[in-house]
């Protein structure tokens, strides 16, 4: 990928499908059905893979732009 001019960024999947992927929301998602997640704050349903991939995209852009993972996706001491 690098040889073709693409930037490669490694992203840990921590909290990527557990938190709402909307930039202005840091709520935890609840499991309503096997593959879906629900954000009570935003009142939206998401496929768990969709939530995870959107979150990974936000993390990747932040790591490129700010050289840091967004605070809402940072590991918490209780989860280490």
PDB file of N, CA and C in Angstrom:
ATOM      1  N   UNK A   1       0.824  -1.187   0.000  1.00  0.00           N
ATOM      2  CA  UNK A   1       0.000   0.000   0.000  1.00  0.00           C
ATOM      3  C   UNK A   1       0.873   1.258   0.000  1.00  0.00           C
ATOM      4  N   UNK A   2       1.943   1.227   0.807  1.00  0.00           N
ATOM      5  CA  UNK A   2       2.831   2.385   0.877  1.00  0.00           C
ATOM      6  C   UNK A   2       3.471   2.678  -0.479  1.00  0.00           C
ATOM      7  N   UNK A   3       3.856   1.623  -1.189  1.00  0.00           N
ATOM      8  CA  UNK A   3       4.483   1.786  -2.497  1.00  0.00           C
ATOM      9  C   UNK A   3       3.530   2.430  -3.503  1.00  0.00           C
ATOM     10  N   UNK A   4       2.238   2.288  -3.278  1.00  0.00           N
ATOM     11  CA  UNK A   4       1.240   2.877  -4.167  1.00  0.00           C
ATOM     12  C   UNK A   4       0.812   4.271  -3.722  1.00  0.00           C
ATOM     13  N   UNK A   5       1.417   4.768  -2.638  1.00  0.00           N
ATOM     14  CA  UNK A   5       1.122   6.112  -2.172  1.00  0.00           C
ATOM     15  C   UNK A   5       0.018   6.210  -1.130  1.00  0.00           C
ATOM     16  N   UNK A   6      -0.400   5.081  -0.585  1.00  0.00           N
ATOM     17  CA  UNK A   6      -1.439   5.097   0.439  1.00  0.00           C
ATOM     18  C   UNK A   6      -0.819   5.226   1.828  1.00  0.00           C
ATOM     19  N   UNK A   7      -1.500   5.924   2.707  1.00  0.00           N
ATOM     20  CA  UNK A   7      -1.077   6.023   4.097  1.00  0.00           C
ATOM     21  C   UNK A   7      -1.683   4.842   4.846  1.00  0.00           C
ATOM     22  N   UNK A   8      -0.863   4.136   5.607  1.00  0.00           N
ATOM     23  CA  UNK A   8      -1.336   2.997   6.386  1.00  0.00           C
ATOM     24  C   UNK A   8      -1.288   3.372   7.864  1.00  0.00           C
ATOM     25  N   UNK A   9      -2.424   3.233   8.530  1.00  0.00           N
ATOM     26  CA  UNK A   9      -2.528   3.583   9.940  1.00  0.00           C
ATOM     27  C   UNK A   9      -3.105   2.387  10.687  1.00  0.00           C
ATOM     28  N   UNK A  10      -2.404   1.940  11.708  1.00  0.00           N
ATOM     29  CA  UNK A  10      -2.919   0.848  12.537  1.00  0.00           C
ATOM     30  C   UNK A  10      -3.871   1.410  13.586  1.00  0.00           C
ATOM     31  N   UNK A  11      -5.024   0.781  13.742  1.00  0.00           N
ATOM     32  CA  UNK A  11      -6.025   1.253  14.698  1.00  0.00           C
ATOM     33  C   UNK A  11      -6.481   0.085  15.561  1.00  0.00           C
ATOM     34  N   UNK A  12      -6.352   0.237  16.878  1.00  0.00           N
ATOM     35  CA  UNK A  12      -6.862  -0.778  17.802  1.00  0.00           C
ATOM     36  C   UNK A  12      -8.385  -0.660  17.842  1.00  0.00           C
ATOM     37  N   UNK A  13      -9.071  -1.785  17.901  1.00  0.00           N
ATOM     38  CA  UNK A  13     -10.537  -1.772  17.820  1.00  0.00           C
ATOM     39  C   UNK A  13     -11.238  -1.453  19.140  1.00  0.00           C
ATOM     40  N   UNK A  14     -10.498  -1.088  20.166  1.00  0.00           N
ATOM     41  CA  UNK A  14     -11.060  -0.813  21.489  1.00  0.00           C
ATOM     42  C   UNK A  14     -12.207   0.194  21.428  1.00  0.00           C
ATOM     43  N   UNK A  15     -13.374  -0.163  21.915  1.00  0.00           N
ATOM     44  CA  UNK A  15     -14.581   0.669  22.004  1.00  0.00           C
ATOM     45  C   UNK A  15     -15.201   1.033  20.657  1.00  0.00           C
ATOM     46  N   UNK A  16     -14.715   0.521  19.544  1.00  0.00           N
ATOM     47  CA  UNK A  16     -15.209   0.982  18.249  1.00  0.00           C
ATOM     48  C   UNK A  16     -16.649   0.586  17.961  1.00  0.00           C
ATOM     49  N   UNK A  17     -17.112  -0.536  18.477  1.00  0.00           N
ATOM     50  CA  UNK A  17     -18.526  -0.878  18.278  1.00  0.00           C
ATOM     51  C   UNK A  17     -19.316  -0.757  19.576  1.00  0.00           C
ATOM     52  N   UNK A  18     -18.685  -0.271  20.630  1.00  0.00           N
ATOM     53  CA  UNK A  18     -19.364  -0.099  21.918  1.00  0.00           C
ATOM     54  C   UNK A  18     -19.876   1.324  22.118  1.00  0.00           C
ATOM     55  N   UNK A  19     -19.268   2.283  21.420  1.00  0.00           N
ATOM     56  CA  UNK A  19     -19.654   3.690  21.563  1.00  0.00           C
ATOM     57  C   UNK A  19     -20.302   4.185  20.276  1.00  0.00           C
ATOM     58  N   UNK A  20     -21.195   5.159  20.412  1.00  0.00           N
ATOM     59  CA  UNK A  20     -21.868   5.746  19.256  1.00  0.00           C
ATOM     60  C   UNK A  20     -20.822   6.392  18.342  1.00  0.00           C
ATOM     61  N   UNK A  21     -20.874   6.110  17.029  1.00  0.00           N
ATOM     62  CA  UNK A  21     -19.871   6.673  16.122  1.00  0.00           C
ATOM     63  C   UNK A  21     -20.088   8.146  15.765  1.00  0.00           C
ATOM     64  N   UNK A  22     -21.228   8.715  16.135  1.00  0.00           N
ATOM     65  CA  UNK A  22     -21.452  10.132  15.832  1.00  0.00           C
ATOM     66  C   UNK A  22     -20.433  10.972  16.592  1.00  0.00           C
ATOM     67  N   UNK A  23     -19.869  11.938  15.914  1.00  0.00           N
ATOM     68  CA  UNK A  23     -18.779  12.744  16.470  1.00  0.00           C
ATOM     69  C   UNK A  23     -19.192  13.468  17.747  1.00  0.00           C
ATOM     70  N   UNK A  24     -20.417  13.959  17.808  1.00  0.00           N
ATOM     71  CA  UNK A  24     -20.864  14.749  18.957  1.00  0.00           C
ATOM     72  C   UNK A  24     -21.530  13.917  20.057  1.00  0.00           C
ATOM     73  N   UNK A  25     -21.423  12.598  19.989  1.00  0.00           N
ATOM     74  CA  UNK A  25     -22.043  11.723  20.985  1.00  0.00           C
ATOM     75  C   UNK A  25     -21.007  10.739  21.520  1.00  0.00           C
ATOM     76  N   UNK A  26     -20.968  10.577  22.837  1.00  0.00           N
ATOM     77  CA  UNK A  26     -20.026   9.613  23.416  1.00  0.00           C
ATOM     78  C   UNK A  26     -20.750   8.530  24.221  1.00  0.00           C
ATOM     79  N   UNK A  27     -22.030   8.333  23.908  1.00  0.00           N
ATOM     80  CA  UNK A  27     -22.838   7.344  24.628  1.00  0.00           C
ATOM     81  C   UNK A  27     -22.448   5.918  24.246  1.00  0.00           C
ATOM     82  N   UNK A  28     -22.613   5.022  25.209  1.00  0.00           N
ATOM     83  CA  UNK A  28     -22.422   3.606  24.920  1.00  0.00           C
ATOM     84  C   UNK A  28     -23.645   3.091  24.174  1.00  0.00           C
ATOM     85  N   UNK A  29     -23.427   2.170  23.262  1.00  0.00           N
ATOM     86  CA  UNK A  29     -24.512   1.550  22.509  1.00  0.00           C
ATOM     87  C   UNK A  29     -25.013   0.327  23.257  1.00  0.00           C
ATOM     88  N   UNK A  30     -26.303   0.088  23.170  1.00  0.00           N
ATOM     89  CA  UNK A  30     -26.857  -1.123  23.783  1.00  0.00           C
ATOM     90  C   UNK A  30     -27.165  -2.133  22.684  1.00  0.00           C
ATOM     91  N   UNK A  31     -27.163  -3.396  23.049  1.00  0.00           N
ATOM     92  CA  UNK A  31     -27.482  -4.467  22.099  1.00  0.00           C
ATOM     93  C   UNK A  31     -28.976  -4.734  22.154  1.00  0.00           C
ATOM     94  N   UNK A  32     -29.649  -4.498  21.054  1.00  0.00           N
ATOM     95  CA  UNK A  32     -31.084  -4.765  21.000  1.00  0.00           C
ATOM     96  C   UNK A  32     -31.346  -6.100  20.304  1.00  0.00           C
ATOM     97  N   UNK A  33     -30.605  -6.358  19.271  1.00  0.00           N
ATOM     98  CA  UNK A  33     -30.705  -7.598  18.510  1.00  0.00           C
ATOM     99  C   UNK A  33     -29.291  -8.111  18.314  1.00  0.00           C
ATOM    100  N   UNK A  34     -29.153  -9.304  17.772  1.00  0.00           N
ATOM    101  CA  UNK A  34     -27.832  -9.938  17.682  1.00  0.00           C
ATOM    102  C   UNK A  34     -26.779  -9.057  17.000  1.00  0.00           C
ATOM    103  N   UNK A  35     -27.096  -8.468  15.861  1.00  0.00           N
ATOM    104  CA  UNK A  35     -26.098  -7.702  15.111  1.00  0.00           C
ATOM    105  C   UNK A  35     -26.348  -6.195  15.127  1.00  0.00           C
ATOM    106  N   UNK A  36     -27.325  -5.738  15.889  1.00  0.00           N
ATOM    107  CA  UNK A  36     -27.605  -4.304  15.880  1.00  0.00           C
ATOM    108  C   UNK A  36     -27.289  -3.674  17.230  1.00  0.00           C
ATOM    109  N   UNK A  37     -27.026  -2.394  17.180  1.00  0.00           N
ATOM    110  CA  UNK A  37     -26.747  -1.604  18.369  1.00  0.00           C
ATOM    111  C   UNK A  37     -27.693  -0.403  18.350  1.00  0.00           C
ATOM    112  N   UNK A  38     -28.000   0.110  19.533  1.00  0.00           N
ATOM    113  CA  UNK A  38     -28.917   1.235  19.650  1.00  0.00           C
ATOM    114  C   UNK A  38     -28.285   2.321  20.511  1.00  0.00           C
ATOM    115  N   UNK A  39     -28.345   3.557  20.029  1.00  0.00           N
ATOM    116  CA  UNK A  39     -27.890   4.705  20.813  1.00  0.00           C
ATOM    117  C   UNK A  39     -29.137   5.428  21.319  1.00  0.00           C
ATOM    118  N   UNK A  40     -29.358   5.378  22.624  1.00  0.00           N
ATOM    119  CA  UNK A  40     -30.531   6.018  23.221  1.00  0.00           C
ATOM    120  C   UNK A  40     -30.441   7.543  23.116  1.00  0.00           C
ATOM    121  N   UNK A  41     -29.238   8.085  23.199  1.00  0.00           N
ATOM    122  CA  UNK A  41     -29.069   9.539  23.123  1.00  0.00           C
ATOM    123  C   UNK A  41     -29.419  10.070  21.729  1.00  0.00           C
ATOM    124  N   UNK A  42     -28.989   9.370  20.680  1.00  0.00           N
ATOM    125  CA  UNK A  42     -29.257   9.799  19.301  1.00  0.00           C
ATOM    126  C   UNK A  42     -30.541   9.189  18.738  1.00  0.00           C
ATOM    127  N   UNK A  43     -31.089   8.189  19.432  1.00  0.00           N
ATOM    128  CA  UNK A  43     -32.280   7.455  18.999  1.00  0.00           C
ATOM    129  C   UNK A  43     -32.086   6.848  17.605  1.00  0.00           C
ATOM    130  N   UNK A  44     -30.955   6.141  17.437  1.00  0.00           N
ATOM    131  CA  UNK A  44     -30.676   5.480  16.160  1.00  0.00           C
ATOM    132  C   UNK A  44     -30.252   4.029  16.394  1.00  0.00           C
ATOM    133  N   UNK A  45     -30.566   3.196  15.413  1.00  0.00           N
ATOM    134  CA  UNK A  45     -30.099   1.814  15.376  1.00  0.00           C
ATOM    135  C   UNK A  45     -28.980   1.723  14.359  1.00  0.00           C
ATOM    136  N   UNK A  46     -27.955   0.942  14.661  1.00  0.00           N
ATOM    137  CA  UNK A  46     -26.824   0.739  13.759  1.00  0.00           C
ATOM    138  C   UNK A  46     -26.469  -0.735  13.724  1.00  0.00           C
ATOM    139  N   UNK A  47     -26.025  -1.207  12.579  1.00  0.00           N
ATOM    140  CA  UNK A  47     -25.419  -2.526  12.515  1.00  0.00           C
ATOM    141  C   UNK A  47     -24.105  -2.433  13.280  1.00  0.00           C
ATOM    142  N   UNK A  48     -23.759  -3.464  14.034  1.00  0.00           N
ATOM    143  CA  UNK A  48     -22.541  -3.383  14.859  1.00  0.00           C
ATOM    144  C   UNK A  48     -21.292  -3.181  14.008  1.00  0.00           C
ATOM    145  N   UNK A  49     -21.245  -3.783  12.802  1.00  0.00           N
ATOM    146  CA  UNK A  49     -20.088  -3.586  11.923  1.00  0.00           C
ATOM    147  C   UNK A  49     -20.050  -2.165  11.371  1.00  0.00           C
ATOM    148  N   UNK A  50     -21.222  -1.597  11.094  1.00  0.00           N
ATOM    149  CA  UNK A  50     -21.292  -0.212  10.632  1.00  0.00           C
ATOM    150  C   UNK A  50     -20.777   0.725  11.719  1.00  0.00           C
ATOM    151  N   UNK A  51     -21.231   0.521  12.945  1.00  0.00           N
ATOM    152  CA  UNK A  51     -20.779   1.363  14.062  1.00  0.00           C
ATOM    153  C   UNK A  51     -19.270   1.260  14.228  1.00  0.00           C
ATOM    154  N   UNK A  52     -18.746   0.045  14.180  1.00  0.00           N
ATOM    155  CA  UNK A  52     -17.308  -0.163  14.328  1.00  0.00           C
ATOM    156  C   UNK A  52     -16.507   0.475  13.214  1.00  0.00           C
ATOM    157  N   UNK A  53     -16.972   0.319  11.973  1.00  0.00           N
ATOM    158  CA  UNK A  53     -16.208   0.872  10.846  1.00  0.00           C
ATOM    159  C   UNK A  53     -16.252   2.397  10.827  1.00  0.00           C
ATOM    160  N   UNK A  54     -17.395   2.987  11.185  1.00  0.00           N
ATOM    161  CA  UNK A  54     -17.459   4.451  11.262  1.00  0.00           C
ATOM    162  C   UNK A  54     -16.536   4.970  12.363  1.00  0.00           C
ATOM    163  N   UNK A  55     -16.521   4.283  13.486  1.00  0.00           N
ATOM    164  CA  UNK A  55     -15.645   4.688  14.587  1.00  0.00           C
ATOM    165  C   UNK A  55     -14.178   4.572  14.193  1.00  0.00           C
ATOM    166  N   UNK A  56     -13.816   3.488  13.510  1.00  0.00           N
ATOM    167  CA  UNK A  56     -12.431   3.310  13.053  1.00  0.00           C
ATOM    168  C   UNK A  56     -12.048   4.419  12.081  1.00  0.00           C
ATOM    169  N   UNK A  57     -12.975   4.829  11.215  1.00  0.00           N
ATOM    170  CA  UNK A  57     -12.698   5.937  10.290  1.00  0.00           C
ATOM    171  C   UNK A  57     -12.431   7.230  11.064  1.00  0.00           C
ATOM    172  N   UNK A  58     -13.237   7.518  12.095  1.00  0.00           N
ATOM    173  CA  UNK A  58     -13.029   8.726  12.913  1.00  0.00           C
ATOM    174  C   UNK A  58     -11.682   8.672  13.638  1.00  0.00           C
ATOM    175  N   UNK A  59     -11.350   7.505  14.179  1.00  0.00           N
ATOM    176  CA  UNK A  59     -10.077   7.342  14.890  1.00  0.00           C
ATOM    177  C   UNK A  59      -8.907   7.541  13.936  1.00  0.00           C
ATOM    178  N   UNK A  60      -8.994   6.940  12.756  1.00  0.00           N
ATOM    179  CA  UNK A  60      -7.920   7.044  11.763  1.00  0.00           C
ATOM    180  C   UNK A  60      -7.683   8.492  11.361  1.00  0.00           C
ATOM    181  N   UNK A  61      -8.758   9.213  11.050  1.00  0.00           N
ATOM    182  CA  UNK A  61      -8.612  10.622  10.668  1.00  0.00           C
ATOM    183  C   UNK A  61      -8.009  11.447  11.803  1.00  0.00           C
ATOM    184  N   UNK A  62      -8.427  11.189  13.033  1.00  0.00           N
ATOM    185  CA  UNK A  62      -7.875  11.919  14.183  1.00  0.00           C
ATOM    186  C   UNK A  62      -6.400  11.604  14.374  1.00  0.00           C
ATOM    187  N   UNK A  63      -6.019  10.339  14.184  1.00  0.00           N
ATOM    188  CA  UNK A  63      -4.607   9.981  14.343  1.00  0.00           C
ATOM    189  C   UNK A  63      -3.746  10.638  13.272  1.00  0.00           C
ATOM    190  N   UNK A  64      -4.267  10.760  12.069  1.00  0.00           N
ATOM    191  CA  UNK A  64      -3.511  11.432  11.000  1.00  0.00           C
ATOM    192  C   UNK A  64      -3.452  12.937  11.273  1.00  0.00           C
ATOM    193  N   UNK A  65      -4.592  13.527  11.607  1.00  0.00           N
ATOM    194  CA  UNK A  65      -4.691  14.977  11.793  1.00  0.00           C
ATOM    195  C   UNK A  65      -4.052  15.448  13.102  1.00  0.00           C
ATOM    196  N   UNK A  66      -4.376  14.781  14.211  1.00  0.00           N
ATOM    197  CA  UNK A  66      -3.975  15.252  15.537  1.00  0.00           C
ATOM    198  C   UNK A  66      -2.886  14.414  16.195  1.00  0.00           C
ATOM    199  N   UNK A  67      -2.516  13.308  15.557  1.00  0.00           N
ATOM    200  CA  UNK A  67      -1.542  12.374  16.128  1.00  0.00           C
ATOM    201  C   UNK A  67      -2.024  11.805  17.461  1.00  0.00           C
ATOM    202  N   UNK A  68      -3.346  11.696  17.626  1.00  0.00           N
ATOM    203  CA  UNK A  68      -3.906  11.171  18.877  1.00  0.00           C
ATOM    204  C   UNK A  68      -5.261  10.523  18.628  1.00  0.00           C
ATOM    205  N   UNK A  69      -5.566   9.552  19.446  1.00  0.00           N
ATOM    206  CA  UNK A  69      -6.869   8.888  19.405  1.00  0.00           C
ATOM    207  C   UNK A  69      -7.892   9.805  20.086  1.00  0.00           C
ATOM    208  N   UNK A  70      -9.119   9.924  19.548  1.00  0.00           N
ATOM    209  CA  UNK A  70     -10.130  10.759  20.196  1.00  0.00           C
ATOM    210  C   UNK A  70     -10.396  10.289  21.632  1.00  0.00           C
ATOM    211  N   UNK A  71     -10.602  11.218  22.557  1.00  0.00           N
ATOM    212  CA  UNK A  71     -10.786  10.849  23.967  1.00  0.00           C
ATOM    213  C   UNK A  71     -11.888   9.822  24.210  1.00  0.00           C
ATOM    214  N   UNK A  72     -12.976   9.874  23.448  1.00  0.00           N
ATOM    215  CA  UNK A  72     -14.069   8.935  23.715  1.00  0.00           C
ATOM    216  C   UNK A  72     -13.701   7.487  23.407  1.00  0.00           C
ATOM    217  N   UNK A  73     -12.637   7.274  22.642  1.00  0.00           N
ATOM    218  CA  UNK A  73     -12.191   5.919  22.309  1.00  0.00           C
ATOM    219  C   UNK A  73     -10.932   5.510  23.075  1.00  0.00           C
ATOM    220  N   UNK A  74     -10.542   6.305  24.072  1.00  0.00           N
ATOM    221  CA  UNK A  74      -9.355   5.973  24.865  1.00  0.00           C
ATOM    222  C   UNK A  74      -9.686   4.878  25.872  1.00  0.00           C
ATOM    223  N   UNK A  75      -8.753   3.954  26.093  1.00  0.00           N
ATOM    224  CA  UNK A  75      -8.971   2.925  27.119  1.00  0.00           C
ATOM    225  C   UNK A  75      -9.130   3.568  28.493  1.00  0.00           C
ATOM    226  N   UNK A  76     -10.022   3.018  29.268  1.00  0.00           N
ATOM    227  CA  UNK A  76     -10.228   3.483  30.636  1.00  0.00           C
ATOM    228  C   UNK A  76      -9.561   2.497  31.576  1.00  0.00           C
ATOM    229  N   UNK A  77      -9.086   2.976  32.709  1.00  0.00           N
ATOM    230  CA  UNK A  77      -8.339   2.136  33.647  1.00  0.00           C
ATOM    231  C   UNK A  77      -9.100   0.872  34.028  1.00  0.00           C
ATOM    232  N   UNK A  78     -10.407   0.956  34.183  1.00  0.00           N
ATOM    233  CA  UNK A  78     -11.197  -0.210  34.581  1.00  0.00           C
ATOM    234  C   UNK A  78     -11.282  -1.259  33.481  1.00  0.00           C
ATOM    235  N   UNK A  79     -11.006  -0.868  32.235  1.00  0.00           N
ATOM    236  CA  UNK A  79     -11.110  -1.786  31.106  1.00  0.00           C
ATOM    237  C   UNK A  79      -9.767  -2.328  30.635  1.00  0.00           C
ATOM    238  N   UNK A  80      -8.680  -1.982  31.293  1.00  0.00           N
ATOM    239  CA  UNK A  80      -7.351  -2.430  30.855  1.00  0.00           C
ATOM    240  C   UNK A  80      -7.060  -3.836  31.270  1.00  0.00           C
TER     241      UNK A  80
END
